[in-house]
PDB file of N, CA and C in Angstrom:
ATOM      1  N   VAL A   1     -10.964  13.344  -3.356  1.00  0.00           N
ATOM      2  CA  VAL A   1     -10.420  12.051  -3.740  1.00  0.00           C
ATOM      3  C   VAL A   1     -10.830  11.011  -2.701  1.00  0.00           C
ATOM      4  N   GLN A   2     -11.292   9.898  -3.205  1.00  0.00           N
ATOM      5  CA  GLN A   2     -11.642   8.785  -2.322  1.00  0.00           C
ATOM      6  C   GLN A   2     -10.693   7.624  -2.594  1.00  0.00           C
ATOM      7  N   VAL A   3     -10.351   6.944  -1.538  1.00  0.00           N
ATOM      8  CA  VAL A   3      -9.446   5.811  -1.629  1.00  0.00           C
ATOM      9  C   VAL A   3     -10.093   4.619  -0.930  1.00  0.00           C
ATOM     10  N   GLU A   4     -10.095   3.484  -1.588  1.00  0.00           N
ATOM     11  CA  GLU A   4     -10.729   2.300  -1.014  1.00  0.00           C
ATOM     12  C   GLU A   4      -9.865   1.075  -1.252  1.00  0.00           C
ATOM     13  N   GLU A   5      -9.656   0.305  -0.186  1.00  0.00           N
ATOM     14  CA  GLU A   5      -8.867  -0.917  -0.282  1.00  0.00           C
ATOM     15  C   GLU A   5      -9.783  -2.120  -0.476  1.00  0.00           C
ATOM     16  N   PHE A   6      -9.210  -3.134  -1.119  1.00  0.00           N
ATOM     17  CA  PHE A   6      -9.888  -4.413  -1.298  1.00  0.00           C
ATOM     18  C   PHE A   6      -8.878  -5.515  -1.022  1.00  0.00           C
ATOM     19  N   GLY A   7      -9.382  -6.643  -0.574  1.00  0.00           N
ATOM     20  CA  GLY A   7      -8.506  -7.777  -0.360  1.00  0.00           C
ATOM     21  C   GLY A   7      -8.152  -7.939   1.093  1.00  0.00           C
ATOM     22  N   GLY A   8      -7.037  -8.557   1.361  1.00  0.00           N
ATOM     23  CA  GLY A   8      -6.651  -8.869   2.718  1.00  0.00           C
ATOM     24  C   GLY A   8      -7.235 -10.201   3.137  1.00  0.00           C
ATOM     25  N   GLY A   9      -7.231 -10.433   4.432  1.00  0.00           N
ATOM     26  CA  GLY A   9      -7.771 -11.682   4.944  1.00  0.00           C
ATOM     27  C   GLY A   9      -6.767 -12.419   5.789  1.00  0.00           C
ATOM     28  N   LEU A  10      -6.935 -13.743   5.822  1.00  0.00           N
ATOM     29  CA  LEU A  10      -6.135 -14.593   6.700  1.00  0.00           C
ATOM     30  C   LEU A  10      -5.367 -15.609   5.882  1.00  0.00           C
ATOM     31  N   THR A  11      -4.108 -15.796   6.240  1.00  0.00           N
ATOM     32  CA  THR A  11      -3.312 -16.821   5.604  1.00  0.00           C
ATOM     33  C   THR A  11      -2.302 -17.359   6.610  1.00  0.00           C
ATOM     34  N   GLN A  12      -1.667 -18.443   6.258  1.00  0.00           N
ATOM     35  CA  GLN A  12      -0.640 -19.005   7.123  1.00  0.00           C
ATOM     36  C   GLN A  12       0.726 -18.443   6.762  1.00  0.00           C
ATOM     37  N   ALA A  13       1.649 -18.576   7.660  1.00  0.00           N
ATOM     38  CA  ALA A  13       3.022 -18.136   7.406  1.00  0.00           C
ATOM     39  C   ALA A  13       3.551 -18.809   6.145  1.00  0.00           C
ATOM     40  N   GLY A  14       4.196 -18.002   5.324  1.00  0.00           N
ATOM     41  CA  GLY A  14       4.692 -18.496   4.054  1.00  0.00           C
ATOM     42  C   GLY A  14       3.720 -18.322   2.913  1.00  0.00           C
ATOM     43  N   GLY A  15       2.512 -17.931   3.226  1.00  0.00           N
ATOM     44  CA  GLY A  15       1.487 -17.770   2.213  1.00  0.00           C
ATOM     45  C   GLY A  15       1.534 -16.413   1.530  1.00  0.00           C
ATOM     46  N   SER A  16       0.555 -16.193   0.659  1.00  0.00           N
ATOM     47  CA  SER A  16       0.475 -14.960  -0.109  1.00  0.00           C
ATOM     48  C   SER A  16      -0.922 -14.360  -0.026  1.00  0.00           C
ATOM     49  N   LEU A  17      -0.959 -13.065  -0.116  1.00  0.00           N
ATOM     50  CA  LEU A  17      -2.210 -12.325  -0.208  1.00  0.00           C
ATOM     51  C   LEU A  17      -1.987 -11.142  -1.132  1.00  0.00           C
ATOM     52  N   SER A  18      -3.070 -10.658  -1.700  1.00  0.00           N
ATOM     53  CA  SER A  18      -2.954  -9.472  -2.531  1.00  0.00           C
ATOM     54  C   SER A  18      -3.977  -8.428  -2.099  1.00  0.00           C
ATOM     55  N   LEU A  19      -3.569  -7.200  -2.200  1.00  0.00           N
ATOM     56  CA  LEU A  19      -4.420  -6.064  -1.884  1.00  0.00           C
ATOM     57  C   LEU A  19      -4.599  -5.212  -3.130  1.00  0.00           C
ATOM     58  N   SER A  20      -5.763  -4.621  -3.230  1.00  0.00           N
ATOM     59  CA  SER A  20      -6.035  -3.681  -4.311  1.00  0.00           C
ATOM     60  C   SER A  20      -6.509  -2.378  -3.709  1.00  0.00           C
ATOM     61  N   CYS A  21      -6.312  -1.322  -4.458  1.00  0.00           N
ATOM     62  CA  CYS A  21      -6.729  -0.007  -3.979  1.00  0.00           C
ATOM     63  C   CYS A  21      -7.249   0.797  -5.159  1.00  0.00           C
ATOM     64  N   ALA A  22      -8.411   1.374  -4.985  1.00  0.00           N
ATOM     65  CA  ALA A  22      -9.006   2.191  -6.036  1.00  0.00           C
ATOM     66  C   ALA A  22      -9.047   3.639  -5.596  1.00  0.00           C
ATOM     67  N   ALA A  23      -8.611   4.517  -6.478  1.00  0.00           N
ATOM     68  CA  ALA A  23      -8.694   5.954  -6.244  1.00  0.00           C
ATOM     69  C   ALA A  23      -9.764   6.520  -7.157  1.00  0.00           C
ATOM     70  N   SER A  24     -10.623   7.363  -6.608  1.00  0.00           N
ATOM     71  CA  SER A  24     -11.688   7.956  -7.402  1.00  0.00           C
ATOM     72  C   SER A  24     -11.856   9.420  -7.026  1.00  0.00           C
ATOM     73  N   GLY A  25     -12.618  10.113  -7.832  1.00  0.00           N
ATOM     74  CA  GLY A  25     -12.808  11.538  -7.594  1.00  0.00           C
ATOM     75  C   GLY A  25     -11.817  12.354  -8.403  1.00  0.00           C
ATOM     76  N   ARG A  26     -11.284  13.406  -7.813  1.00  0.00           N
ATOM     77  CA  ARG A  26     -10.361  14.313  -8.505  1.00  0.00           C
ATOM     78  C   ARG A  26      -8.948  13.721  -8.517  1.00  0.00           C
ATOM     79  N   THR A  27      -8.799  12.621  -9.210  1.00  0.00           N
ATOM     80  CA  THR A  27      -7.527  11.909  -9.180  1.00  0.00           C
ATOM     81  C   THR A  27      -6.438  12.569 -10.017  1.00  0.00           C
ATOM     82  N   ALA A  28      -6.803  13.573 -10.812  1.00  0.00           N
ATOM     83  CA  ALA A  28      -5.790  14.268 -11.603  1.00  0.00           C
ATOM     84  C   ALA A  28      -4.765  14.954 -10.710  1.00  0.00           C
ATOM     85  N   SER A  29      -5.124  15.208  -9.456  1.00  0.00           N
ATOM     86  CA  SER A  29      -4.214  15.874  -8.530  1.00  0.00           C
ATOM     87  C   SER A  29      -3.323  14.887  -7.765  1.00  0.00           C
ATOM     88  N   ILE A  30      -3.485  13.619  -8.055  1.00  0.00           N
ATOM     89  CA  ILE A  30      -2.737  12.587  -7.350  1.00  0.00           C
ATOM     90  C   ILE A  30      -1.531  12.159  -8.184  1.00  0.00           C
ATOM     91  N   TYR A  31      -0.357  12.133  -7.566  1.00  0.00           N
ATOM     92  CA  TYR A  31       0.854  11.773  -8.282  1.00  0.00           C
ATOM     93  C   TYR A  31       1.470  10.461  -7.801  1.00  0.00           C
ATOM     94  N   ALA A  32       1.013   9.976  -6.671  1.00  0.00           N
ATOM     95  CA  ALA A  32       1.575   8.732  -6.148  1.00  0.00           C
ATOM     96  C   ALA A  32       0.560   8.061  -5.234  1.00  0.00           C
ATOM     97  N   MET A  33       0.722   6.760  -5.094  1.00  0.00           N
ATOM     98  CA  MET A  33      -0.106   5.975  -4.181  1.00  0.00           C
ATOM     99  C   MET A  33       0.807   5.141  -3.314  1.00  0.00           C
ATOM    100  N   GLY A  34       0.344   4.870  -2.117  1.00  0.00           N
ATOM    101  CA  GLY A  34       1.186   4.095  -1.217  1.00  0.00           C
ATOM    102  C   GLY A  34       0.388   3.192  -0.311  1.00  0.00           C
ATOM    103  N   TRP A  35       1.107   2.287   0.321  1.00  0.00           N
ATOM    104  CA  TRP A  35       0.554   1.386   1.318  1.00  0.00           C
ATOM    105  C   TRP A  35       1.282   1.594   2.635  1.00  0.00           C
ATOM    106  N   PHE A  36       0.518   1.658   3.688  1.00  0.00           N
ATOM    107  CA  PHE A  36       1.040   1.715   5.039  1.00  0.00           C
ATOM    108  C   PHE A  36       0.358   0.599   5.832  1.00  0.00           C
ATOM    109  N   ARG A  37       0.900   0.305   6.984  1.00  0.00           N
ATOM    110  CA  ARG A  37       0.259  -0.689   7.846  1.00  0.00           C
ATOM    111  C   ARG A  37       0.439  -0.297   9.303  1.00  0.00           C
ATOM    112  N   GLN A  38      -0.489  -0.781  10.106  1.00  0.00           N
ATOM    113  CA  GLN A  38      -0.435  -0.524  11.539  1.00  0.00           C
ATOM    114  C   GLN A  38      -0.813  -1.794  12.272  1.00  0.00           C
ATOM    115  N   ALA A  39       0.144  -2.324  12.991  1.00  0.00           N
ATOM    116  CA  ALA A  39      -0.101  -3.498  13.820  1.00  0.00           C
ATOM    117  C   ALA A  39      -0.665  -3.060  15.162  1.00  0.00           C
ATOM    118  N   LEU A  40      -1.326  -3.961  15.822  1.00  0.00           N
ATOM    119  CA  LEU A  40      -1.953  -3.650  17.111  1.00  0.00           C
ATOM    120  C   LEU A  40      -0.907  -3.175  18.108  1.00  0.00           C
ATOM    121  N   GLY A  41      -1.138  -1.998  18.651  1.00  0.00           N
ATOM    122  CA  GLY A  41      -0.226  -1.464  19.641  1.00  0.00           C
ATOM    123  C   GLY A  41       1.020  -0.806  19.085  1.00  0.00           C
ATOM    124  N   LYS A  42       1.098  -0.701  17.771  1.00  0.00           N
ATOM    125  CA  LYS A  42       2.279  -0.104  17.145  1.00  0.00           C
ATOM    126  C   LYS A  42       1.892   1.098  16.305  1.00  0.00           C
ATOM    127  N   GLU A  43       2.874   1.884  15.955  1.00  0.00           N
ATOM    128  CA  GLU A  43       2.632   3.039  15.102  1.00  0.00           C
ATOM    129  C   GLU A  43       2.473   2.597  13.647  1.00  0.00           C
ATOM    130  N   ARG A  44       1.792   3.419  12.906  1.00  0.00           N
ATOM    131  CA  ARG A  44       1.646   3.160  11.482  1.00  0.00           C
ATOM    132  C   ARG A  44       3.006   3.276  10.803  1.00  0.00           C
ATOM    133  N   GLU A  45       3.269   2.367   9.860  1.00  0.00           N
ATOM    134  CA  GLU A  45       4.555   2.378   9.180  1.00  0.00           C
ATOM    135  C   GLU A  45       4.384   2.252   7.673  1.00  0.00           C
ATOM    136  N   PHE A  46       5.328   2.803   6.976  1.00  0.00           N
ATOM    137  CA  PHE A  46       5.347   2.754   5.526  1.00  0.00           C
ATOM    138  C   PHE A  46       5.625   1.338   5.038  1.00  0.00           C
ATOM    139  N   VAL A  47       4.956   0.947   3.967  1.00  0.00           N
ATOM    140  CA  VAL A  47       5.178  -0.359   3.358  1.00  0.00           C
ATOM    141  C   VAL A  47       5.745  -0.209   1.945  1.00  0.00           C
ATOM    142  N   SER A  48       5.020   0.513   1.113  1.00  0.00           N
ATOM    143  CA  SER A  48       5.443   0.629  -0.277  1.00  0.00           C
ATOM    144  C   SER A  48       4.719   1.786  -0.936  1.00  0.00           C
ATOM    145  N   ALA A  49       5.295   2.313  -2.009  1.00  0.00           N
ATOM    146  CA  ALA A  49       4.653   3.399  -2.752  1.00  0.00           C
ATOM    147  C   ALA A  49       5.093   3.354  -4.207  1.00  0.00           C
ATOM    148  N   ILE A  50       4.277   3.965  -5.041  1.00  0.00           N
ATOM    149  CA  ILE A  50       4.559   3.999  -6.476  1.00  0.00           C
ATOM    150  C   ILE A  50       4.055   5.309  -7.055  1.00  0.00           C
ATOM    151  N   ASN A  51       4.826   5.869  -7.963  1.00  0.00           N
ATOM    152  CA  ASN A  51       4.377   7.057  -8.679  1.00  0.00           C
ATOM    153  C   ASN A  51       3.423   6.661  -9.795  1.00  0.00           C
ATOM    154  N   TRP A  52       2.490   7.552 -10.109  1.00  0.00           N
ATOM    155  CA  TRP A  52       1.596   7.284 -11.237  1.00  0.00           C
ATOM    156  C   TRP A  52       2.350   7.325 -12.553  1.00  0.00           C
ATOM    157  N   ILE A  53       3.367   8.167 -12.623  1.00  0.00           N
ATOM    158  CA  ILE A  53       4.155   8.302 -13.842  1.00  0.00           C
ATOM    159  C   ILE A  53       5.602   7.910 -13.547  1.00  0.00           C
ATOM    160  N   GLY A  54       6.199   7.214 -14.493  1.00  0.00           N
ATOM    161  CA  GLY A  54       7.571   6.812 -14.279  1.00  0.00           C
ATOM    162  C   GLY A  54       7.680   5.449 -13.637  1.00  0.00           C
ATOM    163  N   GLU A  55       8.892   5.127 -13.242  1.00  0.00           N
ATOM    164  CA  GLU A  55       9.173   3.783 -12.736  1.00  0.00           C
ATOM    165  C   GLU A  55       9.473   3.741 -11.240  1.00  0.00           C
ATOM    166  N   SER A  56       9.273   4.854 -10.578  1.00  0.00           N
ATOM    167  CA  SER A  56       9.681   4.899  -9.178  1.00  0.00           C
ATOM    168  C   SER A  56       8.767   4.088  -8.273  1.00  0.00           C
ATOM    169  N   THR A  57       9.375   3.174  -7.545  1.00  0.00           N
ATOM    170  CA  THR A  57       8.700   2.440  -6.487  1.00  0.00           C
ATOM    171  C   THR A  57       9.603   2.459  -5.260  1.00  0.00           C
ATOM    172  N   ARG A  58       9.001   2.330  -4.110  1.00  0.00           N
ATOM    173  CA  ARG A  58       9.762   2.290  -2.861  1.00  0.00           C
ATOM    174  C   ARG A  58       9.193   1.205  -1.970  1.00  0.00           C
ATOM    175  N   TYR A  59      10.058   0.601  -1.205  1.00  0.00           N
ATOM    176  CA  TYR A  59       9.649  -0.449  -0.293  1.00  0.00           C
ATOM    177  C   TYR A  59      10.343  -0.254   1.048  1.00  0.00           C
ATOM    178  N   ALA A  60       9.623  -0.594   2.095  1.00  0.00           N
ATOM    179  CA  ALA A  60      10.259  -0.669   3.401  1.00  0.00           C
ATOM    180  C   ALA A  60      11.205  -1.864   3.411  1.00  0.00           C
ATOM    181  N   ASP A  61      12.269  -1.755   4.168  1.00  0.00           N
ATOM    182  CA  ASP A  61      13.239  -2.847   4.223  1.00  0.00           C
ATOM    183  C   ASP A  61      12.580  -4.166   4.654  1.00  0.00           C
ATOM    184  N   ALA A  62      11.588  -4.059   5.518  1.00  0.00           N
ATOM    185  CA  ALA A  62      10.960  -5.256   6.066  1.00  0.00           C
ATOM    186  C   ALA A  62      10.204  -6.068   5.016  1.00  0.00           C
ATOM    187  N   VAL A  63       9.840  -5.437   3.914  1.00  0.00           N
ATOM    188  CA  VAL A  63       9.035  -6.143   2.904  1.00  0.00           C
ATOM    189  C   VAL A  63       9.762  -6.288   1.579  1.00  0.00           C
ATOM    190  N   LYS A  64      10.924  -5.691   1.473  1.00  0.00           N
ATOM    191  CA  LYS A  64      11.667  -5.716   0.218  1.00  0.00           C
ATOM    192  C   LYS A  64      11.959  -7.163  -0.196  1.00  0.00           C
ATOM    193  N   GLY A  65      11.681  -7.447  -1.455  1.00  0.00           N
ATOM    194  CA  GLY A  65      11.896  -8.796  -1.951  1.00  0.00           C
ATOM    195  C   GLY A  65      10.719  -9.724  -1.747  1.00  0.00           C
ATOM    196  N   ARG A  66       9.774  -9.319  -0.925  1.00  0.00           N
ATOM    197  CA  ARG A  66       8.591 -10.166  -0.674  1.00  0.00           C
ATOM    198  C   ARG A  66       7.314  -9.528  -1.209  1.00  0.00           C
ATOM    199  N   PHE A  67       7.241  -8.207  -1.160  1.00  0.00           N
ATOM    200  CA  PHE A  67       6.057  -7.495  -1.612  1.00  0.00           C
ATOM    201  C   PHE A  67       6.358  -6.812  -2.941  1.00  0.00           C
ATOM    202  N   THR A  68       5.340  -6.715  -3.777  1.00  0.00           N
ATOM    203  CA  THR A  68       5.477  -6.029  -5.053  1.00  0.00           C
ATOM    204  C   THR A  68       4.296  -5.097  -5.257  1.00  0.00           C
ATOM    205  N   ILE A  69       4.598  -3.847  -5.518  1.00  0.00           N
ATOM    206  CA  ILE A  69       3.554  -2.866  -5.790  1.00  0.00           C
ATOM    207  C   ILE A  69       3.467  -2.651  -7.295  1.00  0.00           C
ATOM    208  N   SER A  70       2.259  -2.460  -7.780  1.00  0.00           N
ATOM    209  CA  SER A  70       2.053  -2.204  -9.208  1.00  0.00           C
ATOM    210  C   SER A  70       0.838  -1.304  -9.374  1.00  0.00           C
ATOM    211  N   ARG A  71       0.645  -0.855 -10.578  1.00  0.00           N
ATOM    212  CA  ARG A  71      -0.454   0.087 -10.804  1.00  0.00           C
ATOM    213  C   ARG A  71      -1.114  -0.166 -12.145  1.00  0.00           C
ATOM    214  N   ASP A  72      -2.321   0.315 -12.274  1.00  0.00           N
ATOM    215  CA  ASP A  72      -3.043   0.355 -13.542  1.00  0.00           C
ATOM    216  C   ASP A  72      -3.545   1.783 -13.685  1.00  0.00           C
ATOM    217  N   ASN A  73      -2.834   2.572 -14.470  1.00  0.00           N
ATOM    218  CA  ASN A  73      -3.163   3.991 -14.573  1.00  0.00           C
ATOM    219  C   ASN A  73      -4.572   4.213 -15.108  1.00  0.00           C
ATOM    220  N   ALA A  74      -4.946   3.431 -16.088  1.00  0.00           N
ATOM    221  CA  ALA A  74      -6.253   3.630 -16.713  1.00  0.00           C
ATOM    222  C   ALA A  74      -7.379   3.399 -15.718  1.00  0.00           C
ATOM    223  N   LYS A  75      -7.212   2.418 -14.855  1.00  0.00           N
ATOM    224  CA  LYS A  75      -8.240   2.097 -13.879  1.00  0.00           C
ATOM    225  C   LYS A  75      -8.043   2.850 -12.574  1.00  0.00           C
ATOM    226  N   ARG A  76      -6.944   3.558 -12.466  1.00  0.00           N
ATOM    227  CA  ARG A  76      -6.622   4.253 -11.219  1.00  0.00           C
ATOM    228  C   ARG A  76      -6.599   3.260 -10.050  1.00  0.00           C
ATOM    229  N   MET A  77      -5.929   2.153 -10.291  1.00  0.00           N
ATOM    230  CA  MET A  77      -5.825   1.099  -9.286  1.00  0.00           C
ATOM    231  C   MET A  77      -4.365   0.875  -8.927  1.00  0.00           C
ATOM    232  N   VAL A  78      -4.144   0.531  -7.696  1.00  0.00           N
ATOM    233  CA  VAL A  78      -2.821   0.145  -7.211  1.00  0.00           C
ATOM    234  C   VAL A  78      -2.954  -1.205  -6.528  1.00  0.00           C
ATOM    235  N   TYR A  79      -1.943  -2.034  -6.693  1.00  0.00           N
ATOM    236  CA  TYR A  79      -1.990  -3.386  -6.157  1.00  0.00           C
ATOM    237  C   TYR A  79      -0.761  -3.642  -5.294  1.00  0.00           C
ATOM    238  N   LEU A  80      -0.943  -4.496  -4.311  1.00  0.00           N
ATOM    239  CA  LEU A  80       0.178  -4.925  -3.478  1.00  0.00           C
ATOM    240  C   LEU A  80       0.130  -6.441  -3.381  1.00  0.00           C
ATOM    241  N   GLN A  81       1.083  -7.083  -4.021  1.00  0.00           N
ATOM    242  CA  GLN A  81       1.211  -8.526  -3.945  1.00  0.00           C
ATOM    243  C   GLN A  81       2.156  -8.857  -2.804  1.00  0.00           C
ATOM    244  N   MET A  82       1.672  -9.643  -1.865  1.00  0.00           N
ATOM    245  CA  MET A  82       2.449  -9.954  -0.675  1.00  0.00           C
ATOM    246  C   MET A  82       2.738 -11.446  -0.636  1.00  0.00           C
ATOM    247  N   ASN A  83       4.006 -11.785  -0.729  1.00  0.00           N
ATOM    248  CA  ASN A  83       4.435 -13.174  -0.713  1.00  0.00           C
ATOM    249  C   ASN A  83       5.284 -13.454   0.519  1.00  0.00           C
ATOM    250  N   SER A  84       5.466 -14.713   0.800  1.00  0.00           N
ATOM    251  CA  SER A  84       6.290 -15.138   1.938  1.00  0.00           C
ATOM    252  C   SER A  84       5.897 -14.395   3.214  1.00  0.00           C
ATOM    253  N   LEU A  85       4.631 -14.343   3.457  1.00  0.00           N
ATOM    254  CA  LEU A  85       4.127 -13.606   4.619  1.00  0.00           C
ATOM    255  C   LEU A  85       4.527 -14.293   5.912  1.00  0.00           C
ATOM    256  N   ASN A  86       4.732 -13.494   6.922  1.00  0.00           N
ATOM    257  CA  ASN A  86       5.032 -14.024   8.251  1.00  0.00           C
ATOM    258  C   ASN A  86       4.150 -13.310   9.265  1.00  0.00           C
ATOM    259  N   PRO A  87       4.062 -13.826  10.469  1.00  0.00           N
ATOM    260  CA  PRO A  87       3.160 -13.228  11.478  1.00  0.00           C
ATOM    261  C   PRO A  87       3.433 -11.751  11.743  1.00  0.00           C
ATOM    262  N   GLU A  88       4.671 -11.316  11.534  1.00  0.00           N
ATOM    263  CA  GLU A  88       4.999  -9.910  11.755  1.00  0.00           C
ATOM    264  C   GLU A  88       4.360  -8.986  10.717  1.00  0.00           C
ATOM    265  N   ASP A  89       3.824  -9.564   9.660  1.00  0.00           N
ATOM    266  CA  ASP A  89       3.124  -8.768   8.650  1.00  0.00           C
ATOM    267  C   ASP A  89       1.660  -8.517   9.027  1.00  0.00           C
ATOM    268  N   THR A  90       1.212  -9.130  10.089  1.00  0.00           N
ATOM    269  CA  THR A  90      -0.164  -8.937  10.538  1.00  0.00           C
ATOM    270  C   THR A  90      -0.391  -7.481  10.924  1.00  0.00           C
ATOM    271  N   ALA A  91      -1.383  -6.884  10.313  1.00  0.00           N
ATOM    272  CA  ALA A  91      -1.654  -5.469  10.558  1.00  0.00           C
ATOM    273  C   ALA A  91      -2.886  -5.058   9.764  1.00  0.00           C
ATOM    274  N   VAL A  92      -3.354  -3.867  10.050  1.00  0.00           N
ATOM    275  CA  VAL A  92      -4.332  -3.225   9.175  1.00  0.00           C
ATOM    276  C   VAL A  92      -3.536  -2.486   8.109  1.00  0.00           C
ATOM    277  N   TYR A  93      -3.855  -2.747   6.871  1.00  0.00           N
ATOM    278  CA  TYR A  93      -3.132  -2.137   5.755  1.00  0.00           C
ATOM    279  C   TYR A  93      -3.978  -1.008   5.170  1.00  0.00           C
ATOM    280  N   TYR A  94      -3.343   0.137   5.022  1.00  0.00           N
ATOM    281  CA  TYR A  94      -4.013   1.328   4.515  1.00  0.00           C
ATOM    282  C   TYR A  94      -3.429   1.725   3.168  1.00  0.00           C
ATOM    283  N   CYS A  95      -4.308   2.076   2.270  1.00  0.00           N
ATOM    284  CA  CYS A  95      -3.904   2.660   1.006  1.00  0.00           C
ATOM    285  C   CYS A  95      -4.040   4.173   1.124  1.00  0.00           C
ATOM    286  N   ALA A  96      -3.129   4.892   0.496  1.00  0.00           N
ATOM    287  CA  ALA A  96      -3.160   6.343   0.600  1.00  0.00           C
ATOM    288  C   ALA A  96      -2.733   6.974  -0.719  1.00  0.00           C
ATOM    289  N   ALA A  97      -3.241   8.178  -0.954  1.00  0.00           N
ATOM    290  CA  ALA A  97      -2.951   8.908  -2.186  1.00  0.00           C
ATOM    291  C   ALA A  97      -2.189  10.182  -1.846  1.00  0.00           C
ATOM    292  N   SER A  98      -1.185  10.462  -2.671  1.00  0.00           N
ATOM    293  CA  SER A  98      -0.317  11.607  -2.418  1.00  0.00           C
ATOM    294  C   SER A  98      -0.386  12.616  -3.555  1.00  0.00           C
ATOM    295  N   GLN A  99      -0.334  13.877  -3.174  1.00  0.00           N
ATOM    296  CA  GLN A  99      -0.263  14.955  -4.153  1.00  0.00           C
ATOM    297  C   GLN A  99       1.162  15.468  -4.322  1.00  0.00           C
ATOM    298  N   VAL A 100       2.094  14.742  -3.740  1.00  0.00           N
ATOM    299  CA  VAL A 100       3.498  15.118  -3.845  1.00  0.00           C
ATOM    300  C   VAL A 100       4.040  14.670  -5.186  1.00  0.00           C
ATOM    301  N   PHE A 101       4.606  15.612  -5.916  1.00  0.00           N
ATOM    302  CA  PHE A 101       5.177  15.304  -7.225  1.00  0.00           C
ATOM    303  C   PHE A 101       6.689  15.241  -7.099  1.00  0.00           C
ATOM    304  N   GLY A 102       7.257  14.151  -7.550  1.00  0.00           N
ATOM    305  CA  GLY A 102       8.697  14.022  -7.495  1.00  0.00           C
ATOM    306  C   GLY A 102       9.167  12.840  -8.316  1.00  0.00           C
ATOM    307  N   THR A 103      10.450  12.779  -8.532  1.00  0.00           N
ATOM    308  CA  THR A 103      10.999  11.677  -9.328  1.00  0.00           C
ATOM    309  C   THR A 103      11.009  10.375  -8.537  1.00  0.00           C
ATOM    310  N   THR A 104      11.008  10.485  -7.217  1.00  0.00           N
ATOM    311  CA  THR A 104      10.928   9.285  -6.387  1.00  0.00           C
ATOM    312  C   THR A 104       9.609   9.280  -5.637  1.00  0.00           C
ATOM    313  N   ALA A 105       9.075   8.109  -5.442  1.00  0.00           N
ATOM    314  CA  ALA A 105       7.793   8.002  -4.761  1.00  0.00           C
ATOM    315  C   ALA A 105       7.940   8.421  -3.297  1.00  0.00           C
ATOM    316  N   PRO A 106       6.918   9.064  -2.758  1.00  0.00           N
ATOM    317  CA  PRO A 106       6.968   9.478  -1.354  1.00  0.00           C
ATOM    318  C   PRO A 106       6.878   8.282  -0.422  1.00  0.00           C
ATOM    319  N   SER A 107       7.287   8.494   0.820  1.00  0.00           N
ATOM    320  CA  SER A 107       7.250   7.398   1.779  1.00  0.00           C
ATOM    321  C   SER A 107       6.826   7.828   3.181  1.00  0.00           C
ATOM    322  N   ARG A 108       6.699   9.098   3.417  1.00  0.00           N
ATOM    323  CA  ARG A 108       6.311   9.574   4.735  1.00  0.00           C
ATOM    324  C   ARG A 108       4.811   9.793   4.806  1.00  0.00           C
ATOM    325  N   ASP A 109       4.219   9.462   5.913  1.00  0.00           N
ATOM    326  CA  ASP A 109       2.759   9.505   5.952  1.00  0.00           C
ATOM    327  C   ASP A 109       2.231  10.918   5.744  1.00  0.00           C
ATOM    328  N   TYR A 110       2.979  11.942   6.135  1.00  0.00           N
ATOM    329  CA  TYR A 110       2.480  13.300   5.949  1.00  0.00           C
ATOM    330  C   TYR A 110       2.495  13.731   4.481  1.00  0.00           C
ATOM    331  N   GLU A 111       3.116  12.933   3.640  1.00  0.00           N
ATOM    332  CA  GLU A 111       3.118  13.217   2.211  1.00  0.00           C
ATOM    333  C   GLU A 111       1.869  12.660   1.519  1.00  0.00           C
ATOM    334  N   PHE A 112       1.057  11.934   2.254  1.00  0.00           N
ATOM    335  CA  PHE A 112      -0.147  11.337   1.697  1.00  0.00           C
ATOM    336  C   PHE A 112      -1.370  12.025   2.300  1.00  0.00           C
ATOM    337  N   ARG A 113      -2.198  12.561   1.442  1.00  0.00           N
ATOM    338  CA  ARG A 113      -3.317  13.371   1.907  1.00  0.00           C
ATOM    339  C   ARG A 113      -4.602  12.571   2.091  1.00  0.00           C
ATOM    340  N   TYR A 114      -4.821  11.585   1.237  1.00  0.00           N
ATOM    341  CA  TYR A 114      -6.093  10.864   1.249  1.00  0.00           C
ATOM    342  C   TYR A 114      -5.841   9.414   1.645  1.00  0.00           C
ATOM    343  N   TRP A 115      -6.671   8.920   2.550  1.00  0.00           N
ATOM    344  CA  TRP A 115      -6.475   7.593   3.121  1.00  0.00           C
ATOM    345  C   TRP A 115      -7.739   6.755   3.018  1.00  0.00           C
ATOM    346  N   GLY A 116      -7.532   5.456   2.815  1.00  0.00           N
ATOM    347  CA  GLY A 116      -8.633   4.523   2.876  1.00  0.00           C
ATOM    348  C   GLY A 116      -8.933   4.127   4.316  1.00  0.00           C
ATOM    349  N   GLN A 117      -9.928   3.292   4.477  1.00  0.00           N
ATOM    350  CA  GLN A 117     -10.370   2.863   5.805  1.00  0.00           C
ATOM    351  C   GLN A 117      -9.509   1.729   6.359  1.00  0.00           C
ATOM    352  N   GLY A 118      -8.773   1.078   5.498  1.00  0.00           N
ATOM    353  CA  GLY A 118      -7.901   0.002   5.946  1.00  0.00           C
ATOM    354  C   GLY A 118      -8.536  -1.367   5.767  1.00  0.00           C
ATOM    355  N   THR A 119      -7.687  -2.360   5.609  1.00  0.00           N
ATOM    356  CA  THR A 119      -8.148  -3.733   5.495  1.00  0.00           C
ATOM    357  C   THR A 119      -7.211  -4.627   6.310  1.00  0.00           C
ATOM    358  N   GLN A 120      -7.782  -5.595   6.972  1.00  0.00           N
ATOM    359  CA  GLN A 120      -7.013  -6.433   7.888  1.00  0.00           C
ATOM    360  C   GLN A 120      -6.283  -7.536   7.134  1.00  0.00           C
ATOM    361  N   VAL A 121      -5.027  -7.693   7.472  1.00  0.00           N
ATOM    362  CA  VAL A 121      -4.223  -8.822   6.994  1.00  0.00           C
ATOM    363  C   VAL A 121      -3.727  -9.563   8.234  1.00  0.00           C
ATOM    364  N   THR A 122      -4.039 -10.841   8.297  1.00  0.00           N
ATOM    365  CA  THR A 122      -3.633 -11.648   9.436  1.00  0.00           C
ATOM    366  C   THR A 122      -2.860 -12.859   8.939  1.00  0.00           C
ATOM    367  N   VAL A 123      -1.682 -13.038   9.507  1.00  0.00           N
ATOM    368  CA  VAL A 123      -0.833 -14.170   9.136  1.00  0.00           C
ATOM    369  C   VAL A 123      -0.626 -15.020  10.378  1.00  0.00           C
ATOM    370  N   SER A 124      -1.066 -16.250  10.310  1.00  0.00           N
ATOM    371  CA  SER A 124      -0.935 -17.143  11.452  1.00  0.00           C
ATOM    372  C   SER A 124       0.363 -17.939  11.347  1.00  0.00           C
ATOM    373  N   SER A 125       0.882 -18.313  12.496  1.00  0.00           N
ATOM    374  CA  SER A 125       2.152 -19.062  12.523  1.00  0.00           C
ATOM    375  C   SER A 125       1.932 -20.563  12.413  1.00  0.00           C
TER     376      SER A 125
END
């Protein structure tokens, strides 16, 4: 399975950006997709995740109400719409694919087996 992110870039505080993620290869074994981020000098942290089937989505408290995750099953794409961005959202954002099957979307990084290379999101004050 290959995972690739698209989007990101630079915006000012209060602005919006969107990220896309494409999963390819043996995607039949993938049950969920997620977004993580890592700011400079900090550990990687969970942002959001969504199951391929069902309505389960999860968000980190820090982004709840501002970020929205969605999917396109046919295209095997996952999207992250980020609104009301602030400088604390600056990080490299990683898309990841999980083989964990469950009624709720996974949120721990060890539950995600395949990772993209990451894309930079920078929010200026």
